[in-house]
Structures are given as structure tokens and as C-alpha cells.
Amino acid sequence: MKVIPLSDMRDKKEGVSNYEMLEFDFKESKIKKIANPALYVIISMAIVFIIWYFVAQWGIHIRGVPFPTPMETLYRLSSMLQGEALYGRTIFEHLYASLMRWCVGFSIAVISGILMGLFLGSSEMLQKTIMPVIYVIQLIPGLAWIPIALLIFGLGNTSTIFMIAATAFAPIVINTSGGIRAAPTVYVRAARMMGAGKATIFLRVMLPSAALSIINGLRIGLANGWRVLIAAEMIVGVGLGLGYSIIQARWSLDFEAAFVSILVISIIGLLIEKTLFSVLEKKVAEQLT
């Protein structure tokens, strides 16, 4: 935005007031700020749909399989949004069930993971004794939690929630702890020299410096939890959800329904990323600079 002194006098050459020029520049910059990220998302989605189209054509003409095209999938999605049933329920009911399971499981992981990460990052002894266990938990694939969940909780929602929390927990702990430990030493020493106590240093120096690392841990935990949610719904005996729809589509050979579920899963993940974590990360970065 150009800095132009505000005045009611009109420019003799252009016949436009400085105030109007300032207002125009401000509006133009805001439009660019909004349009640029949206344009990149549209371009990315266009690339995905083009690749999808050619893969579908290859499957149809070379392998002779009924591979759903982007247009067929979007048309089926449109029908479902208008009320077409998906295995006895609407697409909204399946989506709501999946989101509720994910929200509960991810919330448990966020609260416990950040608290654990703060403790581990603040204590050298805890870091050395407990962090190896966290690394082992992170190495366990999401689907490997299925027998543990079934043995402890049996079939149903609780097992799914447990698996989401278990897979999202470790990356949140690791990134939170790493962010606390990576706080600039010079800032910590400067705060001590100014008479700040341990609590003040932690809250005003170490925690803000770890904010971006914590957000990255939440982003990774979200992706892990969202993926295992779909896998868990396929296996642990829930009769409602996007993962359940995908596994049912396999048995009924309704590949369009499966692709609709996959498309909805991708859209929800992208929306969460762009409307929550990207905005949050930008706000935190602005506060730190």
C-alpha cells in the first residue's frame, strides 16, 4: 500500500483525490492478499483433477476397469448432497460421525501431548528417561494399534477414538518438547539478568519461541489422526462414517461411492489445514516478528 498524505484537494493532472487513491490501493492490496492463496489452491486442485482424469482413462481403456472419473465422482457427490442415501444414511451423517470421533480423539491428543511436551522440554531428566518411550510410540503404525484397541475397548467408537489419540499424541509431544528446548539461550539469559523468575521465563520466553514448533506438531498429529480414523472405521466395527462407507463400497463394488468418500476426506483435511493451521501459523509468526 502506498503512503499518500490524506487531503481533500484533488490532483490536478489525474482528477482523483489523494484519499481516493489511498482507498483504492488499500482495497487492491486486500484483494491480492485473499486472491493469491485461493489461486494457488485452485491450481493445485486442477493439477490433481487432470492427473486423476488421465489415470481414470488409463484404467478404463487399458485395463478395462470401471475407474470413476472426476466428473462422475462430482456428479455422484452432488446427488448425495441433495439427499441420495449412502448405505442407509446421508453423506452428512457419515461426515458428522467421522468428525465427532476425530474431534474427541484429537482433543485428547492435543491436551495430553502439549502438557507432556512442556514437562519433557523443561526437565533434562524427564527428557532422557521418557522421550525414548515417545519415540517408540511414534514408530508404531496407526493400523498396528487395532489389536490393542480391540483388546482394551472392544468394537465401537471408543476403540476408534483411542487409535486417533494414540497416533496423534507422539508428534505433538516431540515437537512441543523440541520447541521448548530450542528456545534461544541468549533470550533466557537476558531474562534472568533482568530478574525474571522461572515461571516468567517459561511463559514469556520459552513458550512463545516454541509456538511454531507446537503448531507443526499439531499439524502432523492431525494428519496422523485423520488417516487412522478412516482405517479404524473400516475395521473396528462402526456402522457409520466415511471409512465405513469406503469398506462397504469395496464389498458392493460401488467405486464411485468410495471415491466420493475419499474426495470428502481430502476436502475436509484441506479446509482444516487452510482455515485453521495456516492462519494460526501466520498469526503466531506475525506476533514473533
C-alpha atoms as a PDB file:
ATOM      1  CA  MET A   1       0.000   0.000   0.000  1.00  0.00           C
ATOM      2  CA  LYS A   2       1.448   3.365  -0.995  1.00  0.00           C
ATOM      3  CA  VAL A   3       1.692   6.009   1.734  1.00  0.00           C
ATOM      4  CA  ILE A   4      -0.053   9.146   0.435  1.00  0.00           C
ATOM      5  CA  PRO A   5      -0.927  12.139   2.629  1.00  0.00           C
ATOM      6  CA  LEU A   6      -4.658  12.429   3.137  1.00  0.00           C
ATOM      7  CA  SER A   7      -6.147  15.541   1.663  1.00  0.00           C
ATOM      8  CA  ASP A   8      -9.424  16.716   0.234  1.00  0.00           C
ATOM      9  CA  MET A   9      -7.618  18.542  -2.580  1.00  0.00           C
ATOM     10  CA  ARG A  10      -7.802  16.876  -5.957  1.00  0.00           C
ATOM     11  CA  ASP A  11      -4.813  16.104  -8.069  1.00  0.00           C
ATOM     12  CA  LYS A  12      -4.949  18.499 -10.996  1.00  0.00           C
ATOM     13  CA  LYS A  13      -3.472  16.035 -13.500  1.00  0.00           C
ATOM     14  CA  GLU A  14      -5.443  12.930 -12.627  1.00  0.00           C
ATOM     15  CA  GLY A  15      -8.606  14.479 -11.167  1.00  0.00           C
ATOM     16  CA  VAL A  16      -8.572  11.990  -8.251  1.00  0.00           C
ATOM     17  CA  SER A  17      -8.255  12.913  -4.575  1.00  0.00           C
ATOM     18  CA  ASN A  18      -5.356  11.514  -2.573  1.00  0.00           C
ATOM     19  CA  TYR A  19      -7.885   9.942  -0.219  1.00  0.00           C
ATOM     20  CA  GLU A  20      -9.478   8.058  -3.107  1.00  0.00           C
ATOM     21  CA  MET A  21      -6.058   6.886  -4.291  1.00  0.00           C
ATOM     22  CA  LEU A  22      -5.260   5.604  -0.807  1.00  0.00           C
ATOM     23  CA  GLU A  23      -8.590   3.801  -0.553  1.00  0.00           C
ATOM     24  CA  PHE A  24      -8.094   2.187  -3.956  1.00  0.00           C
ATOM     25  CA  ASP A  25      -4.577   0.983  -3.089  1.00  0.00           C
ATOM     26  CA  PHE A  26      -5.838  -0.443   0.196  1.00  0.00           C
ATOM     27  CA  LYS A  27      -8.652  -2.363  -1.459  1.00  0.00           C
ATOM     28  CA  GLU A  28      -6.362  -3.631  -4.199  1.00  0.00           C
ATOM     29  CA  SER A  29      -3.814  -4.955  -1.700  1.00  0.00           C
ATOM     30  CA  LYS A  30      -6.537  -6.739   0.291  1.00  0.00           C
ATOM     31  CA  ILE A  31      -7.896  -8.352  -2.867  1.00  0.00           C
ATOM     32  CA  LYS A  32      -4.427  -9.596  -3.803  1.00  0.00           C
ATOM     33  CA  LYS A  33      -3.883 -10.896  -0.276  1.00  0.00           C
ATOM     34  CA  ILE A  34      -7.028 -13.019  -0.491  1.00  0.00           C
ATOM     35  CA  ALA A  35      -6.828 -13.961  -4.169  1.00  0.00           C
ATOM     36  CA  ASN A  36      -3.244 -15.262  -4.253  1.00  0.00           C
ATOM     37  CA  PRO A  37      -3.678 -18.183  -1.774  1.00  0.00           C
ATOM     38  CA  ALA A  38      -7.014 -19.083  -3.363  1.00  0.00           C
ATOM     39  CA  LEU A  39      -5.412 -19.093  -6.812  1.00  0.00           C
ATOM     40  CA  TYR A  40      -2.668 -21.463  -5.664  1.00  0.00           C
ATOM     41  CA  VAL A  41      -5.243 -23.839  -4.176  1.00  0.00           C
ATOM     42  CA  ILE A  42      -7.267 -23.785  -7.412  1.00  0.00           C
ATOM     43  CA  ILE A  43      -4.148 -24.514  -9.484  1.00  0.00           C
ATOM     44  CA  SER A  44      -3.168 -27.383  -7.173  1.00  0.00           C
ATOM     45  CA  MET A  45      -6.648 -28.894  -7.341  1.00  0.00           C
ATOM     46  CA  ALA A  46      -6.682 -28.527 -11.130  1.00  0.00           C
ATOM     47  CA  ILE A  47      -3.406 -30.482 -11.354  1.00  0.00           C
ATOM     48  CA  VAL A  48      -4.844 -33.232  -9.136  1.00  0.00           C
ATOM     49  CA  PHE A  49      -8.015 -33.487 -11.246  1.00  0.00           C
ATOM     50  CA  ILE A  50      -6.024 -33.597 -14.510  1.00  0.00           C
ATOM     51  CA  ILE A  51      -3.832 -36.426 -13.210  1.00  0.00           C
ATOM     52  CA  TRP A  52      -6.922 -38.183 -11.874  1.00  0.00           C
ATOM     53  CA  TYR A  53      -8.629 -37.898 -15.286  1.00  0.00           C
ATOM     54  CA  PHE A  54      -5.712 -39.461 -17.179  1.00  0.00           C
ATOM     55  CA  VAL A  55      -5.313 -42.255 -14.622  1.00  0.00           C
ATOM     56  CA  ALA A  56      -9.047 -42.973 -14.953  1.00  0.00           C
ATOM     57  CA  GLN A  57      -8.771 -43.092 -18.745  1.00  0.00           C
ATOM     58  CA  TRP A  58      -5.830 -45.458 -18.480  1.00  0.00           C
ATOM     59  CA  GLY A  59      -7.821 -47.719 -16.142  1.00  0.00           C
ATOM     60  CA  ILE A  60     -10.871 -47.686 -18.402  1.00  0.00           C
ATOM     61  CA  HIS A  61      -9.217 -48.149 -21.807  1.00  0.00           C
ATOM     62  CA  ILE A  62      -6.065 -50.106 -20.959  1.00  0.00           C
ATOM     63  CA  ARG A  63      -7.099 -52.279 -18.019  1.00  0.00           C
ATOM     64  CA  GLY A  64     -10.821 -52.338 -18.764  1.00  0.00           C
ATOM     65  CA  VAL A  65     -11.915 -51.460 -15.205  1.00  0.00           C
ATOM     66  CA  PRO A  66     -14.722 -49.012 -14.284  1.00  0.00           C
ATOM     67  CA  PHE A  67     -12.394 -46.354 -12.850  1.00  0.00           C
ATOM     68  CA  PRO A  68     -14.512 -43.333 -11.732  1.00  0.00           C
ATOM     69  CA  THR A  69     -13.580 -40.089 -13.489  1.00  0.00           C
ATOM     70  CA  PRO A  70     -13.559 -36.704 -11.711  1.00  0.00           C
ATOM     71  CA  MET A  71     -16.822 -35.644 -13.353  1.00  0.00           C
ATOM     72  CA  GLU A  72     -18.588 -38.895 -12.445  1.00  0.00           C
ATOM     73  CA  THR A  73     -17.430 -38.573  -8.846  1.00  0.00           C
ATOM     74  CA  LEU A  74     -18.503 -34.928  -8.593  1.00  0.00           C
ATOM     75  CA  TYR A  75     -21.898 -35.779 -10.082  1.00  0.00           C
ATOM     76  CA  ARG A  76     -22.381 -38.578  -7.535  1.00  0.00           C
ATOM     77  CA  LEU A  77     -21.275 -36.238  -4.751  1.00  0.00           C
ATOM     78  CA  SER A  78     -23.830 -33.682  -5.930  1.00  0.00           C
ATOM     79  CA  SER A  79     -26.547 -36.337  -5.797  1.00  0.00           C
ATOM     80  CA  MET A  80     -25.545 -37.313  -2.264  1.00  0.00           C
ATOM     81  CA  LEU A  81     -25.542 -33.692  -1.138  1.00  0.00           C
ATOM     82  CA  GLN A  82     -29.114 -33.497  -2.413  1.00  0.00           C
ATOM     83  CA  GLY A  83     -30.191 -36.442  -0.290  1.00  0.00           C
ATOM     84  CA  GLU A  84     -29.157 -39.663  -2.046  1.00  0.00           C
ATOM     85  CA  ALA A  85     -28.540 -42.330   0.588  1.00  0.00           C
ATOM     86  CA  LEU A  86     -25.073 -43.766   1.147  1.00  0.00           C
ATOM     87  CA  TYR A  87     -25.535 -47.209   2.719  1.00  0.00           C
ATOM     88  CA  GLY A  88     -28.717 -46.233   4.512  1.00  0.00           C
ATOM     89  CA  ARG A  89     -27.559 -42.817   5.738  1.00  0.00           C
ATOM     90  CA  THR A  90     -26.892 -39.414   4.195  1.00  0.00           C
ATOM     91  CA  ILE A  91     -23.368 -38.232   3.439  1.00  0.00           C
ATOM     92  CA  PHE A  92     -23.814 -35.605   6.149  1.00  0.00           C
ATOM     93  CA  GLU A  93     -24.493 -38.261   8.793  1.00  0.00           C
ATOM     94  CA  HIS A  94     -21.369 -40.190   7.768  1.00  0.00           C
ATOM     95  CA  LEU A  95     -19.289 -36.999   7.805  1.00  0.00           C
ATOM     96  CA  TYR A  96     -20.662 -35.890  11.182  1.00  0.00           C
ATOM     97  CA  ALA A  97     -19.901 -39.279  12.764  1.00  0.00           C
ATOM     98  CA  SER A  98     -16.312 -39.228  11.463  1.00  0.00           C
ATOM     99  CA  LEU A  99     -15.714 -35.627  12.550  1.00  0.00           C
ATOM    100  CA  MET A 100     -17.041 -36.265  16.057  1.00  0.00           C
ATOM    101  CA  ARG A 101     -14.749 -39.257  16.539  1.00  0.00           C
ATOM    102  CA  TRP A 102     -11.797 -37.305  15.206  1.00  0.00           C
ATOM    103  CA  CYS A 103     -12.541 -34.217  17.323  1.00  0.00           C
ATOM    104  CA  VAL A 104     -12.703 -36.223  20.553  1.00  0.00           C
ATOM    105  CA  GLY A 105      -9.587 -38.282  19.817  1.00  0.00           C
ATOM    106  CA  PHE A 106      -7.560 -35.336  18.551  1.00  0.00           C
ATOM    107  CA  SER A 107      -8.586 -33.149  21.508  1.00  0.00           C
ATOM    108  CA  ILE A 108      -7.332 -35.821  23.907  1.00  0.00           C
ATOM    109  CA  ALA A 109      -4.042 -35.990  21.998  1.00  0.00           C
ATOM    110  CA  VAL A 110      -3.656 -32.190  21.936  1.00  0.00           C
ATOM    111  CA  ILE A 111      -4.220 -31.695  25.668  1.00  0.00           C
ATOM    112  CA  SER A 112      -2.110 -34.645  26.833  1.00  0.00           C
ATOM    113  CA  GLY A 113       0.559 -34.164  24.143  1.00  0.00           C
ATOM    114  CA  ILE A 114       1.191 -30.477  24.791  1.00  0.00           C
ATOM    115  CA  LEU A 115       1.288 -30.962  28.570  1.00  0.00           C
ATOM    116  CA  MET A 116       3.671 -33.897  28.246  1.00  0.00           C
ATOM    117  CA  GLY A 117       5.835 -31.984  25.778  1.00  0.00           C
ATOM    118  CA  LEU A 118       6.057 -28.980  28.108  1.00  0.00           C
ATOM    119  CA  PHE A 119       7.163 -31.191  31.006  1.00  0.00           C
ATOM    120  CA  LEU A 120       9.736 -33.056  28.913  1.00  0.00           C
ATOM    121  CA  GLY A 121      11.104 -29.867  27.378  1.00  0.00           C
ATOM    122  CA  SER A 122      11.520 -28.264  30.795  1.00  0.00           C
ATOM    123  CA  SER A 123      13.266 -31.170  32.518  1.00  0.00           C
ATOM    124  CA  GLU A 124      16.509 -32.762  31.358  1.00  0.00           C
ATOM    125  CA  MET A 125      15.905 -35.856  33.469  1.00  0.00           C
ATOM    126  CA  LEU A 126      12.382 -36.419  32.092  1.00  0.00           C
ATOM    127  CA  GLN A 127      13.674 -35.800  28.582  1.00  0.00           C
ATOM    128  CA  LYS A 128      16.256 -38.562  28.877  1.00  0.00           C
ATOM    129  CA  THR A 129      14.030 -41.131  30.597  1.00  0.00           C
ATOM    130  CA  ILE A 130      10.621 -40.686  28.923  1.00  0.00           C
ATOM    131  CA  MET A 131      11.376 -39.370  25.439  1.00  0.00           C
ATOM    132  CA  PRO A 132      12.674 -42.768  24.186  1.00  0.00           C
ATOM    133  CA  VAL A 133       9.229 -44.200  25.009  1.00  0.00           C
ATOM    134  CA  ILE A 134       7.593 -41.419  22.974  1.00  0.00           C
ATOM    135  CA  TYR A 135       9.846 -42.222  20.013  1.00  0.00           C
ATOM    136  CA  VAL A 136       8.812 -45.884  20.221  1.00  0.00           C
ATOM    137  CA  ILE A 137       5.135 -44.869  20.241  1.00  0.00           C
ATOM    138  CA  GLN A 138       5.711 -42.716  17.176  1.00  0.00           C
ATOM    139  CA  LEU A 139       7.211 -45.671  15.307  1.00  0.00           C
ATOM    140  CA  ILE A 140       4.086 -47.800  15.772  1.00  0.00           C
ATOM    141  CA  PRO A 141       1.955 -47.654  12.580  1.00  0.00           C
ATOM    142  CA  GLY A 142      -1.618 -46.498  13.001  1.00  0.00           C
ATOM    143  CA  LEU A 143      -3.106 -49.855  11.967  1.00  0.00           C
ATOM    144  CA  ALA A 144      -0.906 -51.658  14.496  1.00  0.00           C
ATOM    145  CA  TRP A 145      -2.993 -50.091  17.266  1.00  0.00           C
ATOM    146  CA  ILE A 146      -6.063 -52.039  16.127  1.00  0.00           C
ATOM    147  CA  PRO A 147      -5.465 -55.252  18.154  1.00  0.00           C
ATOM    148  CA  ILE A 148      -4.566 -53.196  21.237  1.00  0.00           C
ATOM    149  CA  ALA A 149      -7.702 -51.078  20.863  1.00  0.00           C
ATOM    150  CA  LEU A 150      -9.905 -54.149  20.360  1.00  0.00           C
ATOM    151  CA  LEU A 151      -8.436 -55.950  23.369  1.00  0.00           C
ATOM    152  CA  ILE A 152      -8.861 -52.951  25.670  1.00  0.00           C
ATOM    153  CA  PHE A 153     -12.082 -51.352  24.415  1.00  0.00           C
ATOM    154  CA  GLY A 154     -13.700 -53.892  22.085  1.00  0.00           C
ATOM    155  CA  LEU A 155     -15.653 -52.891  18.995  1.00  0.00           C
ATOM    156  CA  GLY A 156     -17.148 -49.417  18.628  1.00  0.00           C
ATOM    157  CA  ASN A 157     -16.392 -45.723  18.893  1.00  0.00           C
ATOM    158  CA  THR A 158     -14.090 -45.921  21.901  1.00  0.00           C
ATOM    159  CA  SER A 159     -11.555 -48.031  20.018  1.00  0.00           C
ATOM    160  CA  THR A 160     -11.562 -45.567  17.132  1.00  0.00           C
ATOM    161  CA  ILE A 161     -11.070 -42.594  19.454  1.00  0.00           C
ATOM    162  CA  PHE A 162      -8.226 -44.396  21.231  1.00  0.00           C
ATOM    163  CA  MET A 163      -6.434 -45.057  17.933  1.00  0.00           C
ATOM    164  CA  ILE A 164      -6.759 -41.412  16.856  1.00  0.00           C
ATOM    165  CA  ALA A 165      -5.372 -40.169  20.173  1.00  0.00           C
ATOM    166  CA  ALA A 166      -2.536 -42.707  20.166  1.00  0.00           C
ATOM    167  CA  THR A 167      -1.292 -41.822  16.669  1.00  0.00           C
ATOM    168  CA  ALA A 168      -1.626 -38.047  17.126  1.00  0.00           C
ATOM    169  CA  PHE A 169      -0.039 -37.988  20.598  1.00  0.00           C
ATOM    170  CA  ALA A 170       3.638 -38.693  19.818  1.00  0.00           C
ATOM    171  CA  PRO A 171       4.338 -35.997  17.163  1.00  0.00           C
ATOM    172  CA  ILE A 172       2.685 -33.363  19.363  1.00  0.00           C
ATOM    173  CA  VAL A 173       4.874 -34.336  22.323  1.00  0.00           C
ATOM    174  CA  ILE A 174       8.072 -34.428  20.262  1.00  0.00           C
ATOM    175  CA  ASN A 175       7.525 -31.077  18.556  1.00  0.00           C
ATOM    176  CA  THR A 176       6.400 -29.341  21.757  1.00  0.00           C
ATOM    177  CA  SER A 177       9.370 -30.635  23.713  1.00  0.00           C
ATOM    178  CA  GLY A 178      11.782 -29.772  20.904  1.00  0.00           C
ATOM    179  CA  GLY A 179      10.390 -26.254  20.638  1.00  0.00           C
ATOM    180  CA  ILE A 180      10.814 -25.629  24.372  1.00  0.00           C
ATOM    181  CA  ARG A 181      14.385 -26.931  24.346  1.00  0.00           C
ATOM    182  CA  ALA A 182      15.233 -24.859  21.255  1.00  0.00           C
ATOM    183  CA  ALA A 183      14.428 -21.547  22.940  1.00  0.00           C
ATOM    184  CA  PRO A 184      17.314 -19.098  22.251  1.00  0.00           C
ATOM    185  CA  THR A 185      19.756 -19.225  25.163  1.00  0.00           C
ATOM    186  CA  VAL A 186      20.571 -15.536  24.806  1.00  0.00           C
ATOM    187  CA  TYR A 187      16.929 -14.613  25.457  1.00  0.00           C
ATOM    188  CA  VAL A 188      16.774 -16.846  28.509  1.00  0.00           C
ATOM    189  CA  ARG A 189      19.964 -15.331  29.936  1.00  0.00           C
ATOM    190  CA  ALA A 190      18.764 -11.821  29.209  1.00  0.00           C
ATOM    191  CA  ALA A 191      15.505 -12.515  31.038  1.00  0.00           C
ATOM    192  CA  ARG A 192      17.407 -13.866  34.047  1.00  0.00           C
ATOM    193  CA  MET A 193      19.663 -10.814  34.110  1.00  0.00           C
ATOM    194  CA  MET A 194      16.523  -8.639  34.193  1.00  0.00           C
ATOM    195  CA  GLY A 195      15.298 -10.516  37.272  1.00  0.00           C
ATOM    196  CA  ALA A 196      12.693 -12.783  35.671  1.00  0.00           C
ATOM    197  CA  GLY A 197      11.809 -15.936  37.573  1.00  0.00           C
ATOM    198  CA  LYS A 198      11.487 -19.443  36.173  1.00  0.00           C
ATOM    199  CA  ALA A 199       7.734 -19.134  35.596  1.00  0.00           C
ATOM    200  CA  THR A 200       8.124 -15.812  33.772  1.00  0.00           C
ATOM    201  CA  ILE A 201      10.949 -17.156  31.604  1.00  0.00           C
ATOM    202  CA  PHE A 202       8.875 -20.194  30.725  1.00  0.00           C
ATOM    203  CA  LEU A 203       5.708 -18.255  29.904  1.00  0.00           C
ATOM    204  CA  ARG A 204       7.226 -15.173  28.275  1.00  0.00           C
ATOM    205  CA  VAL A 205      10.349 -16.580  26.564  1.00  0.00           C
ATOM    206  CA  MET A 206      10.336 -20.352  26.095  1.00  0.00           C
ATOM    207  CA  LEU A 207       6.649 -20.903  25.334  1.00  0.00           C
ATOM    208  CA  PRO A 208       6.378 -18.166  22.650  1.00  0.00           C
ATOM    209  CA  SER A 209       9.560 -19.379  20.976  1.00  0.00           C
ATOM    210  CA  ALA A 210       8.114 -22.902  20.841  1.00  0.00           C
ATOM    211  CA  ALA A 211       4.766 -21.788  19.368  1.00  0.00           C
ATOM    212  CA  LEU A 212       5.582 -22.546  15.723  1.00  0.00           C
ATOM    213  CA  SER A 213       7.044 -25.925  16.639  1.00  0.00           C
ATOM    214  CA  ILE A 214       3.898 -26.767  18.609  1.00  0.00           C
ATOM    215  CA  ILE A 215       1.737 -25.831  15.611  1.00  0.00           C
ATOM    216  CA  ASN A 216       3.823 -28.121  13.380  1.00  0.00           C
ATOM    217  CA  GLY A 217       3.304 -30.939  15.864  1.00  0.00           C
ATOM    218  CA  LEU A 218      -0.451 -30.314  15.833  1.00  0.00           C
ATOM    219  CA  ARG A 219      -0.439 -30.353  12.037  1.00  0.00           C
ATOM    220  CA  ILE A 220       1.360 -33.715  11.926  1.00  0.00           C
ATOM    221  CA  GLY A 221      -0.865 -35.110  14.665  1.00  0.00           C
ATOM    222  CA  LEU A 222      -3.963 -34.003  12.784  1.00  0.00           C
ATOM    223  CA  ALA A 223      -2.854 -35.793   9.626  1.00  0.00           C
ATOM    224  CA  ASN A 224      -1.972 -38.958  11.547  1.00  0.00           C
ATOM    225  CA  GLY A 225      -5.269 -38.955  13.420  1.00  0.00           C
ATOM    226  CA  TRP A 226      -7.349 -38.271  10.315  1.00  0.00           C
ATOM    227  CA  ARG A 227      -5.715 -41.128   8.404  1.00  0.00           C
ATOM    228  CA  VAL A 228      -6.092 -43.671  11.187  1.00  0.00           C
ATOM    229  CA  LEU A 229      -9.710 -42.590  11.723  1.00  0.00           C
ATOM    230  CA  ILE A 230     -10.607 -43.775   8.241  1.00  0.00           C
ATOM    231  CA  ALA A 231      -8.690 -47.023   8.691  1.00  0.00           C
ATOM    232  CA  ALA A 232     -10.266 -47.650  12.099  1.00  0.00           C
ATOM    233  CA  GLU A 233     -13.783 -47.089  10.787  1.00  0.00           C
ATOM    234  CA  MET A 234     -13.112 -49.766   8.193  1.00  0.00           C
ATOM    235  CA  ILE A 235     -12.122 -52.369  10.762  1.00  0.00           C
ATOM    236  CA  VAL A 236     -13.283 -51.837  14.355  1.00  0.00           C
ATOM    237  CA  GLY A 237     -16.988 -52.291  13.820  1.00  0.00           C
ATOM    238  CA  VAL A 238     -18.566 -48.862  13.484  1.00  0.00           C
ATOM    239  CA  GLY A 239     -21.645 -48.764  11.261  1.00  0.00           C
ATOM    240  CA  LEU A 240     -21.387 -45.118  10.316  1.00  0.00           C
ATOM    241  CA  GLY A 241     -18.638 -42.874   8.935  1.00  0.00           C
ATOM    242  CA  LEU A 242     -16.575 -42.160   5.837  1.00  0.00           C
ATOM    243  CA  GLY A 243     -14.214 -45.076   6.459  1.00  0.00           C
ATOM    244  CA  TYR A 244     -17.180 -47.401   6.892  1.00  0.00           C
ATOM    245  CA  SER A 245     -18.557 -46.142   3.563  1.00  0.00           C
ATOM    246  CA  ILE A 246     -15.278 -46.930   1.800  1.00  0.00           C
ATOM    247  CA  ILE A 247     -15.101 -50.503   3.074  1.00  0.00           C
ATOM    248  CA  GLN A 248     -18.770 -51.074   2.215  1.00  0.00           C
ATOM    249  CA  ALA A 249     -18.128 -49.709  -1.288  1.00  0.00           C
ATOM    250  CA  ARG A 250     -15.418 -52.330  -1.727  1.00  0.00           C
ATOM    251  CA  TRP A 251     -17.794 -55.179  -0.982  1.00  0.00           C
ATOM    252  CA  SER A 252     -20.559 -53.778  -3.200  1.00  0.00           C
ATOM    253  CA  LEU A 253     -18.121 -52.718  -5.967  1.00  0.00           C
ATOM    254  CA  ASP A 254     -19.593 -49.209  -5.837  1.00  0.00           C
ATOM    255  CA  PHE A 255     -16.334 -47.467  -6.656  1.00  0.00           C
ATOM    256  CA  GLU A 256     -17.995 -44.107  -7.216  1.00  0.00           C
ATOM    257  CA  ALA A 257     -19.213 -44.117  -3.597  1.00  0.00           C
ATOM    258  CA  ALA A 258     -15.682 -44.924  -2.427  1.00  0.00           C
ATOM    259  CA  PHE A 259     -14.231 -42.081  -4.496  1.00  0.00           C
ATOM    260  CA  VAL A 260     -16.865 -39.689  -3.148  1.00  0.00           C
ATOM    261  CA  SER A 261     -15.821 -40.602   0.405  1.00  0.00           C
ATOM    262  CA  ILE A 262     -12.146 -40.151  -0.459  1.00  0.00           C
ATOM    263  CA  LEU A 263     -12.903 -36.778  -2.060  1.00  0.00           C
ATOM    264  CA  VAL A 264     -14.821 -35.597   1.022  1.00  0.00           C
ATOM    265  CA  ILE A 265     -11.971 -36.755   3.266  1.00  0.00           C
ATOM    266  CA  SER A 266      -9.461 -34.778   1.189  1.00  0.00           C
ATOM    267  CA  ILE A 267     -11.628 -31.640   1.121  1.00  0.00           C
ATOM    268  CA  ILE A 268     -12.151 -31.675   4.887  1.00  0.00           C
ATOM    269  CA  GLY A 269      -8.426 -32.150   5.507  1.00  0.00           C
ATOM    270  CA  LEU A 270      -7.569 -29.296   3.148  1.00  0.00           C
ATOM    271  CA  LEU A 271     -10.129 -26.991   4.766  1.00  0.00           C
ATOM    272  CA  ILE A 272      -8.787 -27.699   8.245  1.00  0.00           C
ATOM    273  CA  GLU A 273      -5.247 -27.073   7.064  1.00  0.00           C
ATOM    274  CA  LYS A 274      -6.023 -23.820   5.242  1.00  0.00           C
ATOM    275  CA  THR A 275      -8.593 -22.319   7.608  1.00  0.00           C
ATOM    276  CA  LEU A 276      -7.013 -23.354  10.917  1.00  0.00           C
ATOM    277  CA  PHE A 277      -3.329 -24.186  10.894  1.00  0.00           C
ATOM    278  CA  SER A 278      -2.159 -21.896   8.093  1.00  0.00           C
ATOM    279  CA  VAL A 279      -3.983 -18.916   9.622  1.00  0.00           C
ATOM    280  CA  LEU A 280      -2.806 -19.787  13.141  1.00  0.00           C
ATOM    281  CA  GLU A 281       0.786 -20.209  11.983  1.00  0.00           C
ATOM    282  CA  LYS A 282       0.701 -16.867  10.172  1.00  0.00           C
ATOM    283  CA  LYS A 283      -0.722 -15.054  13.208  1.00  0.00           C
ATOM    284  CA  VAL A 284       1.899 -16.549  15.514  1.00  0.00           C
ATOM    285  CA  ALA A 285       4.708 -15.694  13.100  1.00  0.00           C
ATOM    286  CA  GLU A 286       3.492 -12.107  12.911  1.00  0.00           C
ATOM    287  CA  GLN A 287       3.487 -11.852  16.713  1.00  0.00           C
ATOM    288  CA  LEU A 288       7.026 -13.208  16.944  1.00  0.00           C
ATOM    289  CA  THR A 289       8.494 -10.842  14.338  1.00  0.00           C
END
